[in-house]
Amino acid sequence: MVSITFSPDEPRASIKVTHLNRVCIETGRSHKPHILDFDSVLNEDVTPIDVYESTTKSLVEDLMQGYNGCLIVYGSSGSRKAHTIQGNSGSTRHGGIISCAAEDIFSSPKASQCRIRVSFYQIFNEKIYDLLDPKRSEIIWFREAEDAVCLDGLTEVEVSSAQHLLQVHHNGSALRQKGIPKRDFLNCSHMVFNIVVLSSTTQAQGKCSLNKLPK
């Protein structure tokens, strides 16, 4: 699924939504306009819950069934990627995708039979940093397993509630800019927040990654 959102302060003179899920971009200079089709087009009036339900809710439902999923938030600096993921606070009413996902995970009937673990890391200048380590240590060893790439030494925290998950994410986010010039951070830093759900009855495991990538 590919979705696009417009922020309130984004120039719209050359961008038009011509159909339900189609965007037309006028390039000028007598060039033909670019026509782009998406799974959904969300304007600046949508709420964080609208964005979540359109892009991520089905991933969380599959996660609780033991499937893997990945959400990538991509855009230029200032395009509100962090706002889309984090929202304004730690509540689902004003929060972003993380808040809504945490609420749905722990309100699922399957949650009582699952262990839920999270990890959080940052990729900057071809180095990987553990954001759940207070020292923001560099992860040196990574290896390819049968069906995944493993980061040896990456901190995993088991969380017991939606609020606990949000607090862990908040603590990791506070470390993400440590030691990195702001300009470089905005342009070159990628963050990955993993949520792993392990069933205690079937031993099935699902993993959902939420990634923020600059353009």
N, C-alpha and C. Protein backbone atom coordinates (compact mmCIF):
# COMPACT_ATOMS: atom_id res chain seq x y z
N MET A 1 0.84 -1.19 0.00
CA MET A 1 0.00 0.00 0.00
C MET A 1 0.88 1.24 0.00
N VAL A 2 0.56 2.22 -0.85
CA VAL A 2 1.28 3.48 -0.90
C VAL A 2 0.27 4.62 -0.73
N SER A 3 0.49 5.46 0.27
CA SER A 3 -0.40 6.58 0.55
C SER A 3 0.40 7.87 0.55
N ILE A 4 -0.27 8.99 0.29
CA ILE A 4 0.38 10.30 0.33
C ILE A 4 -0.47 11.24 1.16
N THR A 5 0.20 12.07 1.97
CA THR A 5 -0.51 13.07 2.77
C THR A 5 0.03 14.45 2.42
N PHE A 6 -0.82 15.47 2.59
CA PHE A 6 -0.42 16.85 2.38
C PHE A 6 -0.43 17.56 3.72
N SER A 7 0.64 18.30 4.01
CA SER A 7 0.69 19.08 5.23
C SER A 7 0.05 20.43 4.99
N PRO A 8 -0.44 21.10 6.04
CA PRO A 8 -1.17 22.37 5.87
C PRO A 8 -0.35 23.46 5.19
N ASP A 9 0.97 23.48 5.40
CA ASP A 9 1.78 24.57 4.86
C ASP A 9 2.48 24.18 3.55
N GLU A 10 2.05 23.09 2.93
CA GLU A 10 2.70 22.64 1.70
C GLU A 10 2.13 23.39 0.49
N PRO A 11 3.00 23.89 -0.42
CA PRO A 11 2.50 24.58 -1.61
C PRO A 11 1.61 23.67 -2.44
N ARG A 12 0.45 24.19 -2.86
CA ARG A 12 -0.48 23.34 -3.58
C ARG A 12 -0.78 23.85 -4.98
N ALA A 13 -0.14 24.95 -5.41
CA ALA A 13 -0.48 25.55 -6.69
C ALA A 13 -0.26 24.58 -7.84
N SER A 14 0.77 23.75 -7.77
CA SER A 14 1.10 22.86 -8.87
C SER A 14 0.67 21.42 -8.62
N ILE A 15 0.00 21.16 -7.50
CA ILE A 15 -0.43 19.80 -7.16
C ILE A 15 -1.95 19.78 -7.03
N LYS A 16 -2.59 18.90 -7.77
CA LYS A 16 -4.04 18.80 -7.73
C LYS A 16 -4.45 17.34 -7.55
N VAL A 17 -5.46 17.14 -6.72
CA VAL A 17 -6.06 15.81 -6.58
C VAL A 17 -7.19 15.74 -7.59
N THR A 18 -6.99 14.96 -8.66
CA THR A 18 -7.97 14.93 -9.76
C THR A 18 -8.98 13.82 -9.62
N HIS A 19 -8.63 12.75 -8.92
CA HIS A 19 -9.54 11.65 -8.65
C HIS A 19 -9.37 11.25 -7.20
N LEU A 20 -10.10 10.23 -6.78
CA LEU A 20 -10.08 9.82 -5.38
C LEU A 20 -8.66 9.51 -4.91
N ASN A 21 -7.88 8.81 -5.73
CA ASN A 21 -6.54 8.40 -5.33
C ASN A 21 -5.49 8.81 -6.36
N ARG A 22 -5.76 9.88 -7.09
CA ARG A 22 -4.83 10.31 -8.15
C ARG A 22 -4.40 11.75 -7.92
N VAL A 23 -3.09 11.99 -8.11
CA VAL A 23 -2.52 13.31 -7.96
C VAL A 23 -1.92 13.74 -9.29
N CYS A 24 -2.20 14.98 -9.69
CA CYS A 24 -1.65 15.56 -10.91
C CYS A 24 -0.66 16.67 -10.52
N ILE A 25 0.57 16.59 -11.01
CA ILE A 25 1.61 17.56 -10.69
C ILE A 25 1.96 18.34 -11.94
N GLU A 26 1.69 19.63 -11.93
CA GLU A 26 2.03 20.50 -13.05
C GLU A 26 3.48 20.95 -12.91
N THR A 27 4.30 20.66 -13.92
CA THR A 27 5.71 21.00 -13.87
C THR A 27 6.03 22.30 -14.59
N GLY A 28 5.09 22.86 -15.36
CA GLY A 28 5.33 24.10 -16.07
C GLY A 28 6.19 23.91 -17.31
N ARG A 29 6.56 25.02 -17.93
CA ARG A 29 7.43 25.01 -19.10
C ARG A 29 6.87 24.14 -20.22
N SER A 30 5.56 24.10 -20.33
CA SER A 30 4.87 23.36 -21.40
C SER A 30 5.08 21.86 -21.33
N HIS A 31 5.58 21.38 -20.21
CA HIS A 31 5.75 19.94 -20.06
C HIS A 31 4.42 19.30 -19.70
N LYS A 32 4.27 18.05 -20.04
CA LYS A 32 3.07 17.33 -19.67
C LYS A 32 3.05 17.12 -18.15
N PRO A 33 1.88 17.21 -17.53
CA PRO A 33 1.81 16.99 -16.08
C PRO A 33 2.11 15.53 -15.75
N HIS A 34 2.64 15.34 -14.55
CA HIS A 34 2.87 13.98 -14.05
C HIS A 34 1.61 13.49 -13.36
N ILE A 35 1.18 12.29 -13.70
CA ILE A 35 0.01 11.68 -13.08
C ILE A 35 0.50 10.54 -12.18
N LEU A 36 0.16 10.63 -10.90
CA LEU A 36 0.58 9.62 -9.93
C LEU A 36 -0.65 9.00 -9.27
N ASP A 37 -0.71 7.68 -9.23
CA ASP A 37 -1.81 6.97 -8.59
C ASP A 37 -1.32 6.34 -7.29
N PHE A 38 -2.12 6.49 -6.22
CA PHE A 38 -1.78 5.95 -4.91
C PHE A 38 -2.95 5.09 -4.41
N ASP A 39 -2.68 4.32 -3.36
CA ASP A 39 -3.76 3.57 -2.73
C ASP A 39 -4.71 4.50 -1.99
N SER A 40 -4.18 5.61 -1.49
CA SER A 40 -5.02 6.61 -0.84
C SER A 40 -4.32 7.96 -0.87
N VAL A 41 -5.10 9.03 -0.91
CA VAL A 41 -4.60 10.40 -0.87
C VAL A 41 -5.29 11.09 0.29
N LEU A 42 -4.52 11.60 1.25
CA LEU A 42 -5.06 12.21 2.45
C LEU A 42 -4.69 13.68 2.47
N ASN A 43 -5.67 14.54 2.67
CA ASN A 43 -5.39 15.98 2.66
C ASN A 43 -5.03 16.47 4.06
N GLU A 44 -4.84 17.77 4.17
CA GLU A 44 -4.36 18.34 5.44
C GLU A 44 -5.41 18.35 6.54
N ASP A 45 -6.66 18.00 6.21
CA ASP A 45 -7.72 18.02 7.21
C ASP A 45 -7.87 16.69 7.95
N VAL A 46 -7.15 15.66 7.55
CA VAL A 46 -7.33 14.37 8.19
C VAL A 46 -6.73 14.38 9.60
N THR A 47 -7.28 13.55 10.45
CA THR A 47 -6.78 13.40 11.82
C THR A 47 -5.74 12.28 11.87
N PRO A 48 -4.93 12.25 12.94
CA PRO A 48 -3.99 11.13 13.08
C PRO A 48 -4.67 9.77 13.03
N ILE A 49 -5.87 9.68 13.57
CA ILE A 49 -6.58 8.40 13.54
C ILE A 49 -6.96 8.03 12.11
N ASP A 50 -7.33 9.03 11.29
CA ASP A 50 -7.63 8.76 9.87
C ASP A 50 -6.41 8.18 9.17
N VAL A 51 -5.24 8.78 9.43
CA VAL A 51 -4.01 8.29 8.80
C VAL A 51 -3.72 6.86 9.25
N TYR A 52 -3.86 6.62 10.54
CA TYR A 52 -3.61 5.28 11.07
C TYR A 52 -4.53 4.25 10.45
N GLU A 53 -5.81 4.54 10.43
CA GLU A 53 -6.77 3.56 9.92
C GLU A 53 -6.60 3.31 8.42
N SER A 54 -6.13 4.32 7.69
CA SER A 54 -5.94 4.16 6.25
C SER A 54 -4.66 3.41 5.91
N THR A 55 -3.63 3.52 6.76
CA THR A 55 -2.32 3.00 6.38
C THR A 55 -1.80 1.85 7.25
N THR A 56 -2.21 1.80 8.51
CA THR A 56 -1.49 0.94 9.46
C THR A 56 -2.35 -0.05 10.21
N LYS A 57 -3.62 0.23 10.37
CA LYS A 57 -4.48 -0.62 11.20
C LYS A 57 -4.47 -2.08 10.74
N SER A 58 -4.54 -2.29 9.43
CA SER A 58 -4.54 -3.67 8.93
C SER A 58 -3.22 -4.37 9.21
N LEU A 59 -2.10 -3.61 9.22
CA LEU A 59 -0.81 -4.20 9.56
C LEU A 59 -0.80 -4.70 11.00
N VAL A 60 -1.38 -3.91 11.91
CA VAL A 60 -1.42 -4.29 13.32
C VAL A 60 -2.31 -5.52 13.50
N GLU A 61 -3.42 -5.57 12.79
CA GLU A 61 -4.30 -6.75 12.88
C GLU A 61 -3.57 -8.00 12.41
N ASP A 62 -2.80 -7.88 11.32
CA ASP A 62 -2.02 -9.03 10.84
C ASP A 62 -0.91 -9.39 11.82
N LEU A 63 -0.31 -8.37 12.44
CA LEU A 63 0.75 -8.61 13.42
C LEU A 63 0.24 -9.51 14.54
N MET A 64 -0.97 -9.27 15.02
CA MET A 64 -1.52 -10.06 16.11
C MET A 64 -1.88 -11.48 15.67
N GLN A 65 -1.86 -11.71 14.36
CA GLN A 65 -2.10 -13.05 13.83
C GLN A 65 -0.79 -13.79 13.53
N GLY A 66 0.34 -13.13 13.81
CA GLY A 66 1.62 -13.78 13.60
C GLY A 66 2.33 -13.43 12.32
N TYR A 67 1.82 -12.43 11.59
CA TYR A 67 2.45 -12.02 10.33
C TYR A 67 3.39 -10.83 10.56
N ASN A 68 4.30 -10.64 9.61
CA ASN A 68 5.21 -9.50 9.66
C ASN A 68 4.64 -8.33 8.87
N GLY A 69 5.04 -7.13 9.24
CA GLY A 69 4.60 -5.94 8.52
C GLY A 69 5.65 -4.85 8.63
N CYS A 70 5.58 -3.89 7.73
CA CYS A 70 6.53 -2.78 7.76
C CYS A 70 5.85 -1.51 7.27
N LEU A 71 5.98 -0.45 8.02
CA LEU A 71 5.47 0.86 7.64
C LEU A 71 6.65 1.80 7.45
N ILE A 72 6.75 2.44 6.29
CA ILE A 72 7.82 3.38 6.00
C ILE A 72 7.22 4.76 5.81
N VAL A 73 7.67 5.71 6.61
CA VAL A 73 7.24 7.11 6.48
C VAL A 73 8.39 7.86 5.82
N TYR A 74 8.16 8.37 4.62
CA TYR A 74 9.24 8.92 3.79
C TYR A 74 8.86 10.33 3.35
N GLY A 75 9.82 11.23 3.36
CA GLY A 75 9.54 12.58 2.89
C GLY A 75 10.72 13.51 3.16
N SER A 76 10.64 14.69 2.62
CA SER A 76 11.70 15.68 2.78
C SER A 76 11.68 16.26 4.19
N SER A 77 12.73 16.96 4.56
CA SER A 77 12.80 17.61 5.87
C SER A 77 11.64 18.60 6.03
N GLY A 78 10.99 18.57 7.18
CA GLY A 78 9.87 19.46 7.43
C GLY A 78 8.54 18.97 6.90
N SER A 79 8.49 17.74 6.40
CA SER A 79 7.22 17.23 5.86
C SER A 79 6.38 16.51 6.91
N ARG A 80 6.75 16.65 8.17
CA ARG A 80 5.97 16.16 9.31
C ARG A 80 5.96 14.65 9.44
N LYS A 81 7.07 14.04 9.12
CA LYS A 81 7.17 12.60 9.31
C LYS A 81 7.07 12.24 10.79
N ALA A 82 7.83 12.96 11.63
CA ALA A 82 7.81 12.68 13.07
C ALA A 82 6.41 12.92 13.64
N HIS A 83 5.74 13.97 13.18
CA HIS A 83 4.38 14.24 13.67
C HIS A 83 3.43 13.11 13.28
N THR A 84 3.59 12.58 12.07
CA THR A 84 2.73 11.49 11.62
C THR A 84 2.90 10.27 12.53
N ILE A 85 4.12 9.98 12.92
CA ILE A 85 4.38 8.81 13.74
C ILE A 85 4.07 9.07 15.21
N GLN A 86 4.50 10.22 15.73
CA GLN A 86 4.42 10.47 17.17
C GLN A 86 3.18 11.26 17.59
N GLY A 87 2.67 12.13 16.73
CA GLY A 87 1.56 12.98 17.11
C GLY A 87 2.00 14.05 18.10
N ASN A 88 1.04 14.56 18.87
CA ASN A 88 1.33 15.65 19.80
C ASN A 88 1.52 15.21 21.24
N SER A 89 1.12 14.01 21.54
CA SER A 89 1.22 13.56 22.93
C SER A 89 1.20 12.05 22.97
N GLY A 90 1.16 11.52 24.20
CA GLY A 90 1.17 10.08 24.37
C GLY A 90 -0.21 9.45 24.38
N SER A 91 -1.25 10.17 24.03
CA SER A 91 -2.60 9.60 24.01
C SER A 91 -3.03 9.29 22.60
N THR A 92 -3.93 8.33 22.44
CA THR A 92 -4.41 7.99 21.11
C THR A 92 -5.25 9.10 20.51
N ARG A 93 -5.87 9.92 21.34
CA ARG A 93 -6.72 10.99 20.81
C ARG A 93 -5.89 12.04 20.07
N HIS A 94 -4.73 12.36 20.60
CA HIS A 94 -3.88 13.38 19.99
C HIS A 94 -2.58 12.81 19.46
N GLY A 95 -2.37 11.51 19.64
CA GLY A 95 -1.12 10.90 19.24
C GLY A 95 -1.12 10.52 17.77
N GLY A 96 -0.01 9.95 17.35
CA GLY A 96 0.14 9.55 15.96
C GLY A 96 -0.01 8.05 15.80
N ILE A 97 0.67 7.52 14.77
CA ILE A 97 0.53 6.11 14.43
C ILE A 97 0.99 5.21 15.57
N ILE A 98 2.08 5.58 16.25
CA ILE A 98 2.58 4.75 17.35
C ILE A 98 1.53 4.60 18.44
N SER A 99 0.90 5.70 18.80
CA SER A 99 -0.10 5.66 19.87
C SER A 99 -1.28 4.77 19.50
N CYS A 100 -1.77 4.94 18.29
CA CYS A 100 -2.92 4.14 17.83
C CYS A 100 -2.56 2.66 17.76
N ALA A 101 -1.37 2.37 17.25
CA ALA A 101 -0.94 0.97 17.14
C ALA A 101 -0.80 0.34 18.52
N ALA A 102 -0.21 1.07 19.46
CA ALA A 102 -0.04 0.54 20.82
C ALA A 102 -1.39 0.23 21.45
N GLU A 103 -2.33 1.13 21.26
CA GLU A 103 -3.66 0.92 21.83
C GLU A 103 -4.34 -0.31 21.25
N ASP A 104 -4.24 -0.49 19.93
CA ASP A 104 -4.87 -1.65 19.29
C ASP A 104 -4.18 -2.95 19.66
N ILE A 105 -2.86 -2.92 19.81
CA ILE A 105 -2.14 -4.14 20.19
C ILE A 105 -2.57 -4.62 21.56
N PHE A 106 -2.62 -3.71 22.53
CA PHE A 106 -2.91 -4.13 23.90
C PHE A 106 -4.40 -4.28 24.18
N SER A 107 -5.25 -3.78 23.30
CA SER A 107 -6.69 -4.02 23.45
C SER A 107 -7.15 -5.24 22.67
N SER A 108 -6.26 -5.87 21.93
CA SER A 108 -6.60 -7.07 21.18
C SER A 108 -6.89 -8.23 22.14
N PRO A 109 -7.88 -9.06 21.81
CA PRO A 109 -8.16 -10.23 22.66
C PRO A 109 -6.96 -11.17 22.79
N LYS A 110 -6.05 -11.13 21.84
CA LYS A 110 -4.89 -12.01 21.87
C LYS A 110 -3.76 -11.47 22.75
N ALA A 111 -3.86 -10.21 23.17
CA ALA A 111 -2.75 -9.59 23.89
C ALA A 111 -2.42 -10.31 25.19
N SER A 112 -3.43 -10.84 25.88
CA SER A 112 -3.19 -11.50 27.16
C SER A 112 -2.40 -12.79 26.99
N GLN A 113 -2.34 -13.31 25.78
CA GLN A 113 -1.61 -14.55 25.52
C GLN A 113 -0.27 -14.29 24.81
N CYS A 114 0.14 -13.03 24.78
CA CYS A 114 1.34 -12.67 24.03
C CYS A 114 2.35 -11.93 24.91
N ARG A 115 3.61 -12.08 24.54
CA ARG A 115 4.68 -11.23 25.07
C ARG A 115 5.03 -10.24 23.97
N ILE A 116 5.19 -8.98 24.37
CA ILE A 116 5.42 -7.92 23.38
C ILE A 116 6.74 -7.23 23.71
N ARG A 117 7.64 -7.24 22.75
CA ARG A 117 8.96 -6.65 22.93
C ARG A 117 9.19 -5.58 21.87
N VAL A 118 9.98 -4.58 22.21
CA VAL A 118 10.28 -3.51 21.26
C VAL A 118 11.79 -3.26 21.23
N SER A 119 12.26 -2.77 20.11
CA SER A 119 13.63 -2.30 19.96
C SER A 119 13.59 -1.04 19.11
N PHE A 120 14.65 -0.24 19.20
CA PHE A 120 14.64 1.08 18.55
C PHE A 120 16.09 1.42 18.19
N TYR A 121 16.34 1.65 16.91
CA TYR A 121 17.71 2.01 16.54
C TYR A 121 17.72 3.07 15.47
N GLN A 122 18.88 3.69 15.33
CA GLN A 122 19.09 4.81 14.41
C GLN A 122 20.25 4.46 13.48
N ILE A 123 20.07 4.78 12.21
CA ILE A 123 21.14 4.60 11.23
C ILE A 123 21.60 5.98 10.79
N PHE A 124 22.89 6.25 11.02
CA PHE A 124 23.44 7.55 10.66
C PHE A 124 24.87 7.37 10.18
N ASN A 125 25.18 7.89 9.01
CA ASN A 125 26.54 7.85 8.48
C ASN A 125 27.08 6.42 8.43
N GLU A 126 26.20 5.48 7.99
CA GLU A 126 26.55 4.08 7.83
C GLU A 126 26.87 3.39 9.16
N LYS A 127 26.41 3.96 10.26
CA LYS A 127 26.57 3.34 11.56
C LYS A 127 25.20 3.16 12.20
N ILE A 128 25.09 2.15 13.04
CA ILE A 128 23.82 1.81 13.68
C ILE A 128 23.95 2.06 15.18
N TYR A 129 23.00 2.80 15.75
CA TYR A 129 23.04 3.15 17.17
C TYR A 129 21.79 2.62 17.87
N ASP A 130 22.01 2.05 19.05
CA ASP A 130 20.93 1.51 19.87
C ASP A 130 20.29 2.64 20.68
N LEU A 131 19.05 2.99 20.37
CA LEU A 131 18.39 4.11 21.05
C LEU A 131 17.75 3.71 22.38
N LEU A 132 17.76 2.43 22.70
CA LEU A 132 17.25 2.02 24.01
C LEU A 132 18.38 1.76 25.00
N ASP A 133 19.60 2.00 24.56
CA ASP A 133 20.75 2.00 25.45
C ASP A 133 21.03 3.43 25.86
N PRO A 134 20.99 3.76 27.16
CA PRO A 134 21.21 5.15 27.59
C PRO A 134 22.51 5.76 27.07
N LYS A 135 23.49 4.90 26.76
CA LYS A 135 24.76 5.40 26.23
C LYS A 135 24.72 5.58 24.72
N ARG A 136 23.57 5.21 24.11
CA ARG A 136 23.42 5.28 22.65
C ARG A 136 24.61 4.60 21.96
N SER A 137 24.86 3.36 22.36
CA SER A 137 26.03 2.64 21.88
C SER A 137 25.89 2.25 20.42
N GLU A 138 27.03 2.16 19.76
CA GLU A 138 27.04 1.74 18.36
C GLU A 138 26.97 0.23 18.28
N ILE A 139 26.13 -0.27 17.39
CA ILE A 139 26.04 -1.71 17.16
C ILE A 139 27.01 -2.08 16.05
N ILE A 140 27.99 -2.87 16.40
CA ILE A 140 29.06 -3.17 15.45
C ILE A 140 28.77 -4.44 14.66
N TRP A 141 28.17 -5.43 15.31
CA TRP A 141 27.99 -6.72 14.67
C TRP A 141 26.58 -6.89 14.15
N PHE A 142 26.46 -7.22 12.89
CA PHE A 142 25.17 -7.64 12.35
C PHE A 142 25.43 -8.81 11.42
N ARG A 143 24.45 -9.71 11.35
CA ARG A 143 24.63 -10.94 10.58
C ARG A 143 23.32 -11.30 9.89
N GLU A 144 23.46 -12.07 8.82
CA GLU A 144 22.30 -12.53 8.09
C GLU A 144 21.89 -13.90 8.62
N ALA A 145 20.66 -13.97 9.13
CA ALA A 145 20.10 -15.25 9.55
C ALA A 145 19.33 -15.85 8.37
N GLU A 146 18.59 -16.90 8.63
CA GLU A 146 17.89 -17.60 7.54
C GLU A 146 16.88 -16.71 6.85
N ASP A 147 16.14 -15.91 7.61
CA ASP A 147 15.09 -15.10 7.00
C ASP A 147 15.12 -13.65 7.48
N ALA A 148 16.26 -13.20 8.02
CA ALA A 148 16.32 -11.83 8.53
C ALA A 148 17.77 -11.42 8.73
N VAL A 149 17.97 -10.12 8.91
CA VAL A 149 19.26 -9.58 9.30
C VAL A 149 19.21 -9.28 10.79
N CYS A 150 20.11 -9.87 11.55
CA CYS A 150 20.10 -9.72 13.01
C CYS A 150 21.16 -8.72 13.46
N LEU A 151 20.80 -7.89 14.40
CA LEU A 151 21.73 -6.93 15.00
C LEU A 151 22.11 -7.45 16.38
N ASP A 152 23.29 -8.03 16.48
CA ASP A 152 23.72 -8.59 17.76
C ASP A 152 23.96 -7.48 18.78
N GLY A 153 23.39 -7.66 19.96
CA GLY A 153 23.56 -6.69 21.03
C GLY A 153 22.49 -5.62 21.07
N LEU A 154 21.55 -5.64 20.13
CA LEU A 154 20.48 -4.65 20.14
C LEU A 154 19.57 -4.87 21.34
N THR A 155 19.31 -3.80 22.09
CA THR A 155 18.46 -3.90 23.28
C THR A 155 17.02 -4.16 22.89
N GLU A 156 16.41 -5.15 23.55
CA GLU A 156 14.97 -5.41 23.41
C GLU A 156 14.33 -5.24 24.79
N VAL A 157 13.23 -4.49 24.83
CA VAL A 157 12.52 -4.24 26.09
C VAL A 157 11.14 -4.85 26.00
N GLU A 158 10.78 -5.66 26.99
CA GLU A 158 9.43 -6.22 27.03
C GLU A 158 8.50 -5.19 27.67
N VAL A 159 7.39 -4.89 26.98
CA VAL A 159 6.47 -3.86 27.45
C VAL A 159 5.17 -4.51 27.89
N SER A 160 4.53 -3.90 28.88
CA SER A 160 3.36 -4.52 29.50
C SER A 160 2.06 -3.77 29.23
N SER A 161 2.14 -2.61 28.59
CA SER A 161 0.93 -1.83 28.33
C SER A 161 1.21 -0.86 27.19
N ALA A 162 0.13 -0.27 26.68
CA ALA A 162 0.30 0.73 25.61
C ALA A 162 1.11 1.92 26.11
N GLN A 163 0.84 2.35 27.34
CA GLN A 163 1.56 3.49 27.89
C GLN A 163 3.04 3.17 28.08
N HIS A 164 3.33 1.94 28.49
CA HIS A 164 4.72 1.52 28.66
C HIS A 164 5.44 1.55 27.31
N LEU A 165 4.79 1.06 26.26
CA LEU A 165 5.38 1.09 24.92
C LEU A 165 5.68 2.52 24.48
N LEU A 166 4.72 3.41 24.71
CA LEU A 166 4.91 4.81 24.32
C LEU A 166 6.04 5.47 25.11
N GLN A 167 6.17 5.11 26.38
CA GLN A 167 7.23 5.69 27.19
C GLN A 167 8.60 5.23 26.70
N VAL A 168 8.71 3.95 26.32
CA VAL A 168 9.97 3.44 25.78
C VAL A 168 10.32 4.15 24.48
N HIS A 169 9.32 4.34 23.62
CA HIS A 169 9.54 5.06 22.36
C HIS A 169 9.98 6.50 22.63
N HIS A 170 9.34 7.14 23.59
CA HIS A 170 9.67 8.52 23.94
C HIS A 170 11.12 8.61 24.45
N ASN A 171 11.50 7.66 25.30
CA ASN A 171 12.86 7.69 25.85
C ASN A 171 13.90 7.50 24.73
N GLY A 172 13.62 6.61 23.81
CA GLY A 172 14.54 6.39 22.70
C GLY A 172 14.62 7.59 21.78
N SER A 173 13.48 8.23 21.54
CA SER A 173 13.46 9.41 20.67
C SER A 173 14.30 10.54 21.25
N ALA A 174 14.34 10.62 22.58
CA ALA A 174 15.12 11.69 23.23
C ALA A 174 16.62 11.52 23.00
N LEU A 175 17.06 10.31 22.65
CA LEU A 175 18.48 10.05 22.43
C LEU A 175 18.89 10.17 20.97
N ARG A 176 17.92 10.30 20.07
CA ARG A 176 18.23 10.13 18.65
C ARG A 176 19.11 11.24 18.08
N GLN A 177 19.09 12.44 18.66
CA GLN A 177 19.89 13.52 18.12
C GLN A 177 21.22 13.70 18.84
N LYS A 178 21.49 12.88 19.83
CA LYS A 178 22.68 13.04 20.65
C LYS A 178 23.95 12.91 19.79
N GLY A 179 24.76 13.94 19.80
CA GLY A 179 26.04 13.89 19.10
C GLY A 179 25.97 14.10 17.61
N ILE A 180 24.79 14.46 17.08
CA ILE A 180 24.66 14.64 15.65
C ILE A 180 24.25 16.07 15.35
N PRO A 181 24.99 16.81 14.52
CA PRO A 181 24.57 18.16 14.15
C PRO A 181 23.16 18.15 13.59
N LYS A 182 22.36 19.16 13.93
CA LYS A 182 20.96 19.18 13.55
C LYS A 182 20.77 19.05 12.04
N ARG A 183 21.61 19.75 11.27
CA ARG A 183 21.46 19.69 9.82
C ARG A 183 21.69 18.27 9.30
N ASP A 184 22.72 17.60 9.82
CA ASP A 184 22.99 16.24 9.40
C ASP A 184 21.90 15.30 9.85
N PHE A 185 21.37 15.54 11.06
CA PHE A 185 20.31 14.68 11.59
C PHE A 185 19.08 14.72 10.69
N LEU A 186 18.70 15.92 10.26
CA LEU A 186 17.51 16.06 9.44
C LEU A 186 17.67 15.40 8.09
N ASN A 187 18.88 15.44 7.52
CA ASN A 187 19.08 14.99 6.16
C ASN A 187 19.49 13.52 6.04
N CYS A 188 20.13 12.98 7.06
CA CYS A 188 20.81 11.69 6.87
C CYS A 188 20.44 10.63 7.89
N SER A 189 19.60 10.91 8.84
CA SER A 189 19.33 9.98 9.92
C SER A 189 18.05 9.19 9.66
N HIS A 190 18.12 7.88 9.85
CA HIS A 190 16.96 7.01 9.71
C HIS A 190 16.69 6.33 11.05
N MET A 191 15.43 6.20 11.42
CA MET A 191 15.07 5.51 12.65
C MET A 191 14.17 4.32 12.35
N VAL A 192 14.38 3.24 13.12
CA VAL A 192 13.57 2.03 12.97
C VAL A 192 13.10 1.61 14.36
N PHE A 193 11.77 1.50 14.52
CA PHE A 193 11.17 1.06 15.78
C PHE A 193 10.48 -0.27 15.51
N ASN A 194 10.95 -1.32 16.17
CA ASN A 194 10.40 -2.66 15.95
C ASN A 194 9.48 -3.06 17.10
N ILE A 195 8.37 -3.67 16.75
CA ILE A 195 7.45 -4.25 17.73
C ILE A 195 7.33 -5.74 17.42
N VAL A 196 7.69 -6.58 18.37
CA VAL A 196 7.64 -8.03 18.18
C VAL A 196 6.58 -8.60 19.12
N VAL A 197 5.66 -9.38 18.55
CA VAL A 197 4.59 -10.03 19.32
C VAL A 197 4.82 -11.53 19.28
N LEU A 198 5.04 -12.14 20.43
CA LEU A 198 5.30 -13.57 20.53
C LEU A 198 4.17 -14.24 21.29
N SER A 199 3.47 -15.15 20.62
CA SER A 199 2.36 -15.86 21.26
C SER A 199 2.91 -16.88 22.25
N SER A 200 2.37 -16.89 23.44
CA SER A 200 2.82 -17.84 24.47
C SER A 200 2.14 -19.19 24.31
N THR A 201 1.13 -19.28 23.45
CA THR A 201 0.40 -20.55 23.27
C THR A 201 0.84 -21.28 22.00
N THR A 202 1.01 -20.54 20.89
CA THR A 202 1.36 -21.19 19.62
C THR A 202 2.82 -20.98 19.24
N GLN A 203 3.51 -20.09 19.95
CA GLN A 203 4.91 -19.71 19.65
C GLN A 203 5.04 -19.00 18.30
N ALA A 204 3.90 -18.58 17.75
CA ALA A 204 3.96 -17.79 16.51
C ALA A 204 4.48 -16.40 16.84
N GLN A 205 5.23 -15.83 15.91
CA GLN A 205 5.83 -14.52 16.14
C GLN A 205 5.53 -13.61 14.97
N GLY A 206 5.09 -12.40 15.29
CA GLY A 206 4.90 -11.38 14.27
C GLY A 206 5.77 -10.18 14.59
N LYS A 207 6.21 -9.48 13.56
CA LYS A 207 7.08 -8.33 13.76
C LYS A 207 6.62 -7.20 12.88
N CYS A 208 6.50 -6.01 13.47
CA CYS A 208 6.11 -4.83 12.72
C CYS A 208 7.19 -3.76 12.91
N SER A 209 7.69 -3.22 11.81
CA SER A 209 8.73 -2.18 11.85
C SER A 209 8.13 -0.87 11.39
N LEU A 210 8.36 0.19 12.15
CA LEU A 210 7.94 1.53 11.77
C LEU A 210 9.20 2.34 11.50
N ASN A 211 9.36 2.76 10.26
CA ASN A 211 10.60 3.38 9.81
C ASN A 211 10.35 4.81 9.36
N LYS A 212 11.23 5.73 9.77
CA LYS A 212 11.15 7.12 9.33
C LYS A 212 12.40 7.41 8.51
N LEU A 213 12.19 7.70 7.22
CA LEU A 213 13.31 7.93 6.31
C LEU A 213 13.22 9.30 5.70
N PRO A 214 14.31 10.08 5.74
CA PRO A 214 14.31 11.38 5.09
C PRO A 214 14.45 11.22 3.59
N LYS A 215 14.00 12.22 2.87
CA LYS A 215 14.08 12.17 1.42
C LYS A 215 15.49 12.50 0.97
